[in-house]
Amino acid sequence: MRGRKEPQVKRLWEELGQSYFDYLVKLPDLVVLMDESHHYRADRGMAVINELQPALGLELTATPQVETPKGAKKFKNVVYEYSLARAINDGFVKEPAVATRKNFDSKKYNPNEIDRIKLTDGIRIHRNTQAELVAYATNEGVNIVKPFVLVVCKDTTHAGEIVEYLTSDDFYDGYYAGKVIELHSNQRGSEKDENIQQLLSLEAEDNTIEIVVHVNMLKEGWDVTNLYTIIPLRTAASLTLREQTIGRGLRLPYGKRTGNAAVDRVTIVAHDKFEEIINAANEETSIIRQENIIHIEDDEDFGKEKEIVRGATAFDVHIEQMEKKKRFARGKEKQNEIVAEIEVVRAVGLATDEFLSQSANITFADAEKPEAQDFIREKAKRHLEKDGQLHLQTDDIDEKINAALAPTIEQKIKFSIAIPSIAVIQTNKQVKIYKDFELRTDNGFNFDVPTAEIIIENLKDNKTDCMKIYFTT
C-alpha cells in the first residue's frame, strides 16, 4: 500500500535546507493574512494554521459567518467591519435590486416554465441595460461597458439543460448561440481551460460572451465590474452563498456611481422569490440595511466569563514535545519524572494566565515583576496541590516551579497578543408609526392581471422602475 504523499509545502527545499513549512514555523514575527476566512474555520483548516504558530493572524471576509446545521453562526473575533449596507450608503458599490413580472403567480407554472420565464425576462433586462450603458458612454465620452448575465443552476444536469435552451432557436431565435459559457466542477481539460479564459476576459471588448451559466463555482474570489443581471434558478442557497452571489455584481465599472439608475444597479431576477427577497431585505437585520453585522448582544454567552482565544504557541508546542518524550521514556521512574515536570509547567502557565486576566490594565511585561512572580508561584503551587500531584516532594515542587517560571513567562510574553474588548454601539434610532385608515370598497376591485410589465425594486430604498414588454410567455 502506498504511503500518504507529503504536502508540497512540507517537502524539503534544497535552497532552504528545510521545508518551506519549517522555515515559516521558525519565523518569530510570522503574520498570516487569510482571505475568505470562513473557509479556515473548519477544524482541519484551523489546525494547520495553528501548526504555523503565527504571531498574528488577520482574517478577511465579506461574510463573517460559518454555515452550520442550525444556520449561519457569526464570527466573534471581529476587530473592524465595513458592511454592505454602509458601502451602499457611501456609494462604493452598485445598488442591488430585484425584478419580477407584475402580478406574477408562480403557482400557475411548473419549475421548467418558471426557469424559462425568468431567463426570458432576465435577457430583456440585460438588453435594456446594454442600451443604457451605450447611451451613458456616448453622452459622457467614456468607454462602453459590456454587461453580461450570470445564471445560477442547482446542479450540473440542470446547467446542461439551461445551456441547451439558451443556445437553441427557441430562445431569442438562436441569437445567444456562441455567447454562452458553462462552468461547473465536472468540466475537465481543454473545455474547462477555454471557458476559464473566456471568464477572465469578460470585460474585454472582443469577448462575445453575454451569459455565464454556473453551478456553485463563482461565489467568491472572482472580481468583475460588468455583471449587471443575476438569474438564480431553483437554488436553495445558504445565507453565505446568497450574499456571495450578489457580491459578484456589486463592483462599479467606472469606480463611482454615475447617477444613472440602470448603470448603477445590479438586478436579481427572482419571479418566484420576489416577495421573500423584498421582505428579507426590509428586515432590520438584513445585510442591505444593517450597518453593523456583528453585535456584542449576539453572543449567547454575553455576561459569562470569556475563554481566551489563541492559537498554538511555543508553550503549547513545548508541552506537546514533553508528552512525546514521556511516551518514549524507558522505566517507570523516568516517566514519573517527566510527568511531574509537565504538571509543573502547566501549573505555571495556568497561573501566569490568571495573573494576566486579573485586569485589563495588566500587561505582559508586568508578569516579569517580582511581586507578580510571587503571585504566580503561589497560584501554581495551589494548582499542583489541588490536582493531587504525587510525583514530587514538597521541596522539589518549589525547585521545579522556580525552574519553569522564567521560560514560561518569556514564552507567554513573546507569543501572546492582548485581545482588546470591543463594543459596537448603535447610535441611530428608528421610530415606527401606525396610522388608522378606512378601506373604501364602494368603487369595487379590479382583478385584471396585467402581465406586460417587469417590476424592478431597489432593495435599499424600495423605489421601483417598470419595464413594458409587448408579449408574454
Protein backbone atom coordinates (compact mmCIF):
# COMPACT_ATOMS: atom_id res chain seq x y z
CA MET A 1 0.00 0.00 0.00
CA ARG A 2 1.40 3.38 -0.92
CA GLY A 3 2.18 5.81 1.83
CA ARG A 4 0.44 9.15 2.02
CA LYS A 5 2.23 11.77 -0.08
CA GLU A 6 3.71 14.66 1.90
CA PRO A 7 2.14 18.06 1.07
CA GLN A 8 4.42 20.15 -1.13
CA VAL A 9 4.75 22.88 1.49
CA LYS A 10 6.29 20.31 3.89
CA ARG A 11 8.75 18.81 1.40
CA LEU A 12 12.46 19.61 1.58
CA TRP A 13 13.64 22.62 -0.44
CA GLU A 14 17.33 22.41 -1.31
CA GLU A 15 17.61 26.21 -1.44
CA LEU A 16 16.33 26.50 2.15
CA GLY A 17 17.86 23.33 3.59
CA GLN A 18 14.44 22.59 5.08
CA SER A 19 10.80 22.61 4.06
CA TYR A 20 9.03 25.90 3.45
CA PHE A 21 6.65 24.97 6.26
CA ASP A 22 9.53 24.52 8.74
CA TYR A 23 11.01 27.82 7.57
CA LEU A 24 7.73 29.62 8.30
CA VAL A 25 7.29 27.99 11.71
CA LYS A 26 10.68 29.30 12.84
CA LEU A 27 9.93 32.93 11.93
CA PRO A 28 9.46 34.91 15.17
CA ASP A 29 7.25 37.55 13.55
CA LEU A 30 5.10 35.50 11.16
CA VAL A 31 1.81 37.20 10.25
CA VAL A 32 -0.83 35.16 8.38
CA LEU A 33 -3.39 37.00 6.22
CA MET A 34 -6.44 34.82 5.48
CA ASP A 35 -8.75 35.94 2.69
CA GLU A 36 -12.23 34.32 2.50
CA SER A 37 -11.52 33.33 6.11
CA HIS A 38 -14.82 31.47 6.61
CA HIS A 39 -13.09 28.57 4.79
CA TYR A 40 -10.44 28.32 7.51
CA ARG A 41 -12.98 27.82 10.30
CA ALA A 42 -13.23 24.09 9.62
CA ASP A 43 -11.35 22.01 12.20
CA ARG A 44 -8.55 20.95 9.85
CA GLY A 45 -8.06 24.46 8.49
CA MET A 46 -7.61 25.95 11.96
CA ALA A 47 -5.30 23.07 12.95
CA VAL A 48 -2.97 23.76 10.02
CA ILE A 49 -2.83 27.48 10.79
CA ASN A 50 -2.13 26.75 14.45
CA GLU A 51 0.75 24.50 13.41
CA LEU A 52 2.42 27.56 11.86
CA GLN A 53 2.37 29.31 15.27
CA PRO A 54 1.87 32.82 13.79
CA ALA A 55 2.48 35.86 15.94
CA LEU A 56 -0.68 37.34 14.44
CA GLY A 57 -3.48 36.12 12.18
CA LEU A 58 -5.65 38.61 10.30
CA GLU A 59 -8.84 37.22 8.74
CA LEU A 60 -10.61 38.96 5.87
CA THR A 61 -14.08 38.09 4.59
CA ALA A 62 -17.23 39.70 3.28
CA THR A 63 -19.29 37.01 5.05
CA PRO A 64 -18.15 36.79 8.71
CA GLN A 65 -20.01 33.59 9.47
CA VAL A 66 -19.83 29.84 9.05
CA GLU A 67 -22.73 27.68 7.95
CA THR A 68 -23.84 25.05 10.47
CA PRO A 69 -26.79 22.60 10.53
CA LYS A 70 -28.53 25.16 12.77
CA GLY A 71 -27.91 28.07 10.39
CA ALA A 72 -25.27 30.76 10.00
CA LYS A 73 -23.02 31.34 13.02
CA LYS A 74 -21.43 34.79 13.24
CA PHE A 75 -17.75 35.31 13.99
CA LYS A 76 -16.97 36.61 17.48
CA ASN A 77 -13.47 37.96 16.85
CA VAL A 78 -14.26 40.89 14.53
CA VAL A 79 -11.88 43.82 15.01
CA TYR A 80 -13.29 46.04 12.26
CA GLU A 81 -16.17 45.69 9.86
CA TYR A 82 -17.39 47.61 6.84
CA SER A 83 -20.78 46.26 5.95
CA LEU A 84 -22.59 46.09 2.62
CA ALA A 85 -25.22 48.49 3.97
CA ARG A 86 -22.56 51.12 4.65
CA ALA A 87 -20.93 50.54 1.27
CA ILE A 88 -24.30 51.07 -0.44
CA ASN A 89 -24.96 54.22 1.58
CA ASP A 90 -21.46 55.56 0.82
CA GLY A 91 -21.89 54.89 -2.92
CA PHE A 92 -18.96 52.49 -3.29
CA VAL A 93 -20.98 49.65 -4.87
CA LYS A 94 -23.92 49.17 -7.20
CA GLU A 95 -27.46 49.33 -5.84
CA PRO A 96 -28.90 45.79 -5.57
CA ALA A 97 -32.44 45.40 -6.96
CA VAL A 98 -34.83 42.52 -7.52
CA ALA A 99 -37.15 42.03 -10.51
CA THR A 100 -40.34 40.14 -11.31
CA ARG A 101 -43.31 40.35 -13.64
CA LYS A 102 -46.15 42.42 -12.34
CA ASN A 103 -48.73 40.26 -10.54
CA PHE A 104 -46.73 37.12 -11.25
CA ASP A 105 -48.21 33.97 -9.70
CA SER A 106 -45.62 31.18 -9.54
CA LYS A 107 -48.29 28.60 -8.64
CA LYS A 108 -49.57 28.70 -12.22
CA TYR A 109 -46.31 27.36 -13.64
CA ASN A 110 -44.12 24.30 -13.22
CA PRO A 111 -40.37 24.69 -12.40
CA ASN A 112 -39.27 24.42 -16.06
CA GLU A 113 -41.73 27.12 -17.10
CA ILE A 114 -40.59 29.41 -14.29
CA ASP A 115 -36.97 28.92 -15.38
CA ARG A 116 -37.79 29.92 -18.95
CA ILE A 117 -39.84 32.95 -17.94
CA LYS A 118 -37.05 34.19 -15.66
CA LEU A 119 -34.46 33.67 -18.40
CA THR A 120 -36.61 35.47 -20.98
CA ASP A 121 -37.27 38.44 -18.69
CA GLY A 122 -33.68 38.45 -17.45
CA ILE A 123 -32.46 38.91 -21.02
CA ARG A 124 -34.97 41.73 -21.52
CA ILE A 125 -33.45 43.47 -18.52
CA HIS A 126 -29.97 42.69 -19.85
CA ARG A 127 -30.73 44.24 -23.25
CA ASN A 128 -32.22 47.32 -21.63
CA THR A 129 -29.05 47.65 -19.52
CA GLN A 130 -26.91 47.32 -22.66
CA ALA A 131 -28.77 50.23 -24.26
CA GLU A 132 -28.47 52.36 -21.13
CA LEU A 133 -24.72 51.70 -20.88
CA VAL A 134 -24.15 52.63 -24.54
CA ALA A 135 -26.19 55.83 -24.14
CA TYR A 136 -24.33 56.80 -20.97
CA ALA A 137 -20.90 56.16 -22.51
CA THR A 138 -21.80 58.11 -25.65
CA ASN A 139 -23.13 61.09 -23.71
CA GLU A 140 -20.24 61.20 -21.22
CA GLY A 141 -17.44 60.33 -23.64
CA VAL A 142 -16.25 57.29 -21.64
CA ASN A 143 -15.57 53.68 -22.56
CA ILE A 144 -18.60 51.49 -23.23
CA VAL A 145 -19.14 48.79 -20.61
CA LYS A 146 -20.19 45.40 -21.99
CA PRO A 147 -22.60 43.81 -19.47
CA PHE A 148 -23.20 40.10 -19.01
CA VAL A 149 -25.72 37.84 -17.25
CA LEU A 150 -24.93 35.28 -14.53
CA VAL A 151 -27.27 32.26 -14.37
CA VAL A 152 -27.06 30.11 -11.23
CA CYS A 153 -28.24 26.48 -11.60
CA LYS A 154 -28.98 23.83 -8.99
CA ASP A 155 -26.70 21.08 -10.40
CA THR A 156 -24.66 20.10 -13.46
CA THR A 157 -27.56 18.34 -15.19
CA HIS A 158 -29.75 21.40 -14.74
CA ALA A 159 -26.93 23.62 -16.07
CA GLY A 160 -26.61 21.49 -19.21
CA GLU A 161 -30.34 21.76 -19.89
CA ILE A 162 -30.25 25.54 -19.42
CA VAL A 163 -27.28 25.98 -21.76
CA GLU A 164 -29.02 23.86 -24.41
CA TYR A 165 -32.13 26.06 -24.14
CA LEU A 166 -30.20 29.36 -24.17
CA THR A 167 -28.32 28.42 -27.35
CA SER A 168 -31.38 26.99 -29.15
CA ASP A 169 -33.57 28.64 -31.77
CA ASP A 170 -36.40 28.68 -29.20
CA PHE A 171 -34.57 31.32 -27.17
CA TYR A 172 -34.47 34.69 -28.94
CA ASP A 173 -34.24 32.94 -32.33
CA GLY A 174 -30.83 31.46 -31.52
CA TYR A 175 -29.16 34.86 -31.05
CA TYR A 176 -27.18 33.68 -28.00
CA ALA A 177 -25.64 30.60 -29.63
CA GLY A 178 -21.88 31.06 -29.16
CA LYS A 179 -22.46 33.73 -26.50
CA VAL A 180 -22.90 31.35 -23.52
CA ILE A 181 -20.27 29.59 -21.38
CA GLU A 182 -20.88 26.93 -18.75
CA LEU A 183 -18.74 26.37 -15.65
CA HIS A 184 -19.01 23.59 -13.10
CA SER A 185 -16.81 21.07 -11.28
CA ASN A 186 -17.47 18.23 -13.76
CA GLN A 187 -15.67 20.00 -16.58
CA ARG A 188 -12.13 18.86 -17.42
CA GLY A 189 -9.27 19.58 -19.77
CA SER A 190 -9.41 21.99 -22.69
CA GLU A 191 -13.14 22.72 -22.31
CA LYS A 192 -12.66 23.96 -18.75
CA ASP A 193 -9.46 25.87 -19.61
CA GLU A 194 -11.11 27.62 -22.56
CA ASN A 195 -14.15 28.62 -20.51
CA ILE A 196 -11.99 29.95 -17.69
CA GLN A 197 -10.03 32.07 -20.19
CA GLN A 198 -13.31 33.45 -21.54
CA LEU A 199 -14.41 34.14 -17.96
CA LEU A 200 -11.23 36.03 -17.10
CA SER A 201 -11.60 38.29 -20.14
CA LEU A 202 -15.31 39.06 -19.80
CA GLU A 203 -14.64 42.79 -19.50
CA ALA A 204 -12.69 42.89 -22.79
CA GLU A 205 -14.41 44.45 -25.83
CA ASP A 206 -13.62 41.49 -28.10
CA ASN A 207 -15.15 38.94 -25.70
CA THR A 208 -18.50 37.89 -27.18
CA ILE A 209 -19.83 36.05 -24.11
CA GLU A 210 -23.02 37.55 -22.71
CA ILE A 211 -24.31 34.74 -20.46
CA VAL A 212 -22.35 32.73 -17.86
CA VAL A 213 -24.04 29.60 -16.50
CA HIS A 214 -22.51 28.09 -13.37
CA VAL A 215 -23.13 25.67 -10.51
CA ASN A 216 -21.70 26.94 -7.25
CA MET A 217 -18.33 27.82 -8.84
CA LEU A 218 -18.31 31.63 -8.88
CA LYS A 219 -19.43 32.54 -5.39
CA GLU A 220 -16.10 34.08 -4.35
CA GLY A 221 -12.60 35.02 -5.48
CA TRP A 222 -13.87 36.35 -8.82
CA ASP A 223 -13.95 40.10 -9.31
CA VAL A 224 -15.64 41.73 -12.30
CA THR A 225 -17.27 45.11 -12.79
CA ASN A 226 -19.64 44.35 -15.69
CA LEU A 227 -22.05 41.85 -14.12
CA TYR A 228 -25.44 43.52 -14.18
CA THR A 229 -28.05 40.74 -14.16
CA ILE A 230 -28.18 37.65 -11.91
CA ILE A 231 -30.75 34.90 -12.56
CA PRO A 232 -30.88 32.28 -9.77
CA LEU A 233 -32.80 29.18 -10.94
CA ARG A 234 -34.21 26.78 -8.35
CA THR A 235 -31.43 27.50 -5.88
CA ALA A 236 -31.95 26.75 -2.20
CA ALA A 237 -28.82 28.63 -1.17
CA SER A 238 -27.42 29.29 2.29
CA LEU A 239 -27.19 32.83 3.66
CA THR A 240 -23.45 32.91 2.93
CA LEU A 241 -23.92 31.70 -0.66
CA ARG A 242 -26.70 34.22 -1.39
CA GLU A 243 -24.57 37.10 -0.12
CA GLN A 244 -21.52 35.91 -2.06
CA THR A 245 -23.52 35.53 -5.29
CA ILE A 246 -24.96 39.04 -5.02
CA GLY A 247 -21.47 40.30 -4.17
CA ARG A 248 -20.19 39.23 -7.62
CA GLY A 249 -22.25 42.00 -9.24
CA LEU A 250 -21.70 44.91 -6.87
CA ARG A 251 -18.47 46.36 -8.25
CA LEU A 252 -18.76 49.64 -10.15
CA PRO A 253 -17.33 49.69 -13.71
CA TYR A 254 -16.46 53.40 -13.57
CA GLY A 255 -15.23 53.30 -9.96
CA LYS A 256 -18.07 55.53 -8.79
CA ARG A 257 -21.81 56.00 -9.06
CA THR A 258 -22.94 57.76 -12.22
CA GLY A 259 -26.42 58.90 -11.19
CA ASN A 260 -27.96 56.73 -13.92
CA ALA A 261 -30.13 54.10 -12.19
CA ALA A 262 -29.59 51.38 -14.83
CA VAL A 263 -25.81 51.94 -14.90
CA ASP A 264 -25.54 51.91 -11.09
CA ARG A 265 -27.73 48.84 -10.47
CA VAL A 266 -27.32 45.06 -10.34
CA THR A 267 -30.61 43.21 -10.77
CA ILE A 268 -31.55 39.82 -9.36
CA VAL A 269 -34.34 38.22 -11.41
CA ALA A 270 -36.46 36.38 -8.86
CA HIS A 271 -40.06 35.99 -10.03
CA ASP A 272 -40.77 33.08 -7.66
CA LYS A 273 -38.86 34.59 -4.69
CA PHE A 274 -39.65 38.28 -5.20
CA GLU A 275 -41.73 38.91 -2.06
CA GLU A 276 -39.43 36.71 0.03
CA ILE A 277 -36.35 38.70 -1.00
CA ILE A 278 -38.09 42.06 -0.53
CA ASN A 279 -39.34 41.09 2.93
CA ALA A 280 -35.93 39.76 3.95
CA ALA A 281 -34.23 42.95 2.70
CA ASN A 282 -36.66 45.09 4.69
CA GLU A 283 -35.75 43.35 7.94
CA GLU A 284 -33.65 45.49 10.24
CA THR A 285 -31.12 42.65 10.43
CA SER A 286 -30.71 42.23 6.66
CA ILE A 287 -27.32 42.80 5.03
CA ILE A 288 -28.91 45.57 2.95
CA ARG A 289 -29.89 47.65 6.00
CA GLN A 290 -27.79 46.55 8.95
CA GLU A 291 -24.71 48.73 9.17
CA ASN A 292 -23.15 46.70 11.97
CA ILE A 293 -23.46 42.97 11.37
CA ILE A 294 -21.59 41.86 14.48
CA HIS A 295 -23.19 42.84 17.80
CA ILE A 296 -21.98 42.06 21.27
CA GLU A 297 -25.55 41.10 22.22
CA ASP A 298 -25.49 38.43 19.51
CA ASP A 299 -23.21 36.42 21.77
CA GLU A 300 -25.26 33.83 23.64
CA ASP A 301 -22.53 33.75 26.31
CA PHE A 302 -22.67 37.52 26.87
CA GLY A 303 -22.05 38.27 30.55
CA LYS A 304 -20.25 34.99 31.20
CA GLU A 305 -16.52 34.62 31.72
CA LYS A 306 -14.83 34.60 28.31
CA GLU A 307 -12.45 31.95 27.08
CA ILE A 308 -9.07 33.23 25.88
CA VAL A 309 -8.86 32.87 22.10
CA ARG A 310 -5.40 31.92 20.90
CA GLY A 311 -3.59 29.64 18.50
CA ALA A 312 -0.90 27.10 19.35
CA THR A 313 2.12 28.88 20.89
CA ALA A 314 5.65 27.82 21.70
CA PHE A 315 4.32 26.99 25.18
CA ASP A 316 1.80 24.52 23.74
CA VAL A 317 4.42 23.00 21.46
CA HIS A 318 6.77 22.61 24.44
CA ILE A 319 4.09 20.68 26.39
CA GLU A 320 3.42 18.51 23.34
CA GLN A 321 7.13 17.70 23.00
CA MET A 322 7.31 16.79 26.68
CA GLU A 323 4.32 14.46 26.22
CA LYS A 324 6.11 12.72 23.35
CA LYS A 325 9.27 12.46 25.46
CA LYS A 326 7.24 10.76 28.21
CA ARG A 327 5.81 8.21 25.77
CA PHE A 328 9.28 7.12 24.66
CA ALA A 329 10.94 7.25 28.09
CA ARG A 330 12.22 3.95 29.46
CA GLY A 331 11.42 2.96 33.00
CA LYS A 332 8.64 3.97 35.35
CA GLU A 333 10.88 6.30 37.34
CA LYS A 334 11.88 8.32 34.28
CA GLN A 335 8.26 8.56 33.11
CA ASN A 336 7.13 9.81 36.52
CA GLU A 337 9.87 12.45 36.46
CA ILE A 338 8.67 13.76 33.08
CA VAL A 339 5.01 13.66 34.20
CA ALA A 340 5.91 15.78 37.23
CA GLU A 341 7.75 18.27 35.03
CA ILE A 342 4.74 18.53 32.68
CA GLU A 343 2.39 19.16 35.61
CA VAL A 344 4.63 21.92 36.95
CA VAL A 345 4.95 23.67 33.58
CA ARG A 346 1.17 23.50 33.05
CA ALA A 347 0.52 24.86 36.54
CA VAL A 348 2.92 27.78 35.98
CA GLY A 349 1.33 28.51 32.59
CA LEU A 350 -2.17 28.49 34.10
CA ALA A 351 -1.06 30.71 36.98
CA THR A 352 0.51 33.17 34.52
CA ASP A 353 -2.77 33.36 32.58
CA GLU A 354 -4.65 34.01 35.83
CA PHE A 355 -2.29 36.86 36.68
CA LEU A 356 -2.75 38.44 33.24
CA SER A 357 -6.55 38.13 33.38
CA GLN A 358 -6.95 39.99 36.69
CA SER A 359 -7.42 43.33 34.99
CA ALA A 360 -7.46 44.85 31.51
CA ASN A 361 -4.72 47.22 32.70
CA ILE A 362 -2.20 44.42 33.36
CA THR A 363 0.32 43.98 30.55
CA PHE A 364 2.54 41.03 29.70
CA ALA A 365 5.58 42.97 30.90
CA ASP A 366 4.02 43.16 34.38
CA ALA A 367 4.46 39.38 34.70
CA GLU A 368 8.22 39.86 34.96
CA LYS A 369 7.97 41.93 38.17
CA PRO A 370 8.99 40.22 41.46
CA GLU A 371 5.57 40.66 43.10
CA ALA A 372 3.90 39.15 40.01
CA GLN A 373 6.21 36.15 40.09
CA ASP A 374 5.41 35.61 43.79
CA PHE A 375 1.71 35.57 42.83
CA ILE A 376 2.38 33.06 40.02
CA ARG A 377 4.47 30.79 42.29
CA GLU A 378 1.72 30.68 44.92
CA LYS A 379 -1.03 30.06 42.36
CA ALA A 380 1.00 27.34 40.64
CA LYS A 381 1.58 25.58 43.96
CA ARG A 382 -2.15 25.68 44.73
CA HIS A 383 -2.96 24.14 41.37
CA LEU A 384 -0.50 21.32 41.99
CA GLU A 385 -1.93 20.67 45.45
CA LYS A 386 -5.48 20.79 44.13
CA ASP A 387 -4.66 18.30 41.37
CA GLY A 388 -3.05 15.89 43.86
CA GLN A 389 0.47 15.99 42.43
CA LEU A 390 2.06 12.77 43.71
CA HIS A 391 5.27 12.73 41.72
CA LEU A 392 7.18 15.41 43.67
CA GLN A 393 8.29 16.03 47.22
CA THR A 394 7.37 19.44 48.73
CA ASP A 395 10.94 20.75 48.36
CA ASP A 396 11.06 19.55 44.76
CA ILE A 397 7.85 21.46 43.91
CA ASP A 398 9.38 24.83 44.85
CA GLU A 399 12.53 24.00 42.91
CA LYS A 400 10.65 22.86 39.81
CA ILE A 401 8.34 25.91 39.87
CA ASN A 402 11.32 28.27 40.05
CA ALA A 403 12.98 26.44 37.15
CA ALA A 404 9.83 26.68 34.98
CA LEU A 405 8.87 30.25 35.90
CA ALA A 406 11.24 32.38 33.77
CA PRO A 407 10.99 30.40 30.47
CA THR A 408 7.19 30.08 30.77
CA ILE A 409 6.68 33.81 31.32
CA GLU A 410 9.07 34.57 28.45
CA GLN A 411 7.06 32.34 26.10
CA LYS A 412 3.79 33.90 27.23
CA ILE A 413 5.09 37.39 26.56
CA LYS A 414 6.72 36.53 23.23
CA PHE A 415 3.91 34.51 21.68
CA SER A 416 0.76 36.17 23.04
CA ILE A 417 -1.21 39.17 21.83
CA ALA A 418 -3.63 41.02 24.05
CA ILE A 419 -7.19 40.88 22.74
CA PRO A 420 -8.98 44.21 23.20
CA SER A 421 -12.57 44.38 24.34
CA ILE A 422 -14.64 45.93 21.57
CA ALA A 423 -18.23 47.07 21.86
CA VAL A 424 -20.34 48.22 18.92
CA ILE A 425 -22.93 50.77 19.97
CA GLN A 426 -25.79 51.69 17.68
CA THR A 427 -26.50 55.41 17.73
CA ASN A 428 -29.34 55.62 15.20
CA LYS A 429 -32.93 55.48 16.45
CA GLN A 430 -35.82 54.07 14.48
CA VAL A 431 -39.42 55.04 15.13
CA LYS A 432 -42.44 53.14 13.86
CA ILE A 433 -45.73 54.98 13.42
CA TYR A 434 -49.08 53.28 12.84
CA LYS A 435 -51.99 55.32 11.41
CA ASP A 436 -55.57 54.14 11.20
CA PHE A 437 -57.31 54.30 7.83
CA GLU A 438 -60.58 53.18 6.31
CA LEU A 439 -60.59 50.93 3.29
CA ARG A 440 -63.08 52.10 0.67
CA THR A 441 -64.66 49.32 -1.36
CA ASP A 442 -67.59 51.22 -2.89
CA ASN A 443 -65.81 51.52 -6.24
CA GLY A 444 -65.22 47.77 -6.40
CA PHE A 445 -61.95 45.99 -7.16
CA ASN A 446 -60.26 45.39 -10.47
CA PHE A 447 -58.89 41.84 -10.60
CA ASP A 448 -57.44 42.05 -14.09
CA VAL A 449 -53.90 40.65 -14.07
CA PRO A 450 -51.60 42.65 -16.34
CA THR A 451 -48.54 40.66 -17.42
CA ALA A 452 -46.90 43.17 -19.73
CA GLU A 453 -44.65 44.85 -17.17
CA ILE A 454 -41.46 43.93 -15.35
CA ILE A 455 -41.14 45.49 -11.91
CA ILE A 456 -37.61 46.27 -10.66
CA GLU A 457 -37.48 47.23 -6.97
CA ASN A 458 -34.43 48.69 -5.26
CA LEU A 459 -33.67 46.68 -2.12
CA LYS A 460 -32.28 49.66 -0.20
CA ASP A 461 -34.98 52.32 -0.61
CA ASN A 462 -37.79 50.24 -2.25
CA LYS A 463 -38.04 52.60 -5.24
CA THR A 464 -39.45 50.85 -8.29
CA ASP A 465 -38.94 51.04 -12.05
CA CYS A 466 -41.22 49.48 -14.65
CA MET A 467 -40.27 47.97 -18.00
CA LYS A 468 -43.00 47.48 -20.61
CA ILE A 469 -42.99 44.19 -22.50
CA TYR A 470 -45.12 43.55 -25.54
CA PHE A 471 -45.78 39.82 -25.33
CA THR A 472 -45.98 37.18 -22.61
CA THR A 473 -44.55 33.73 -22.31
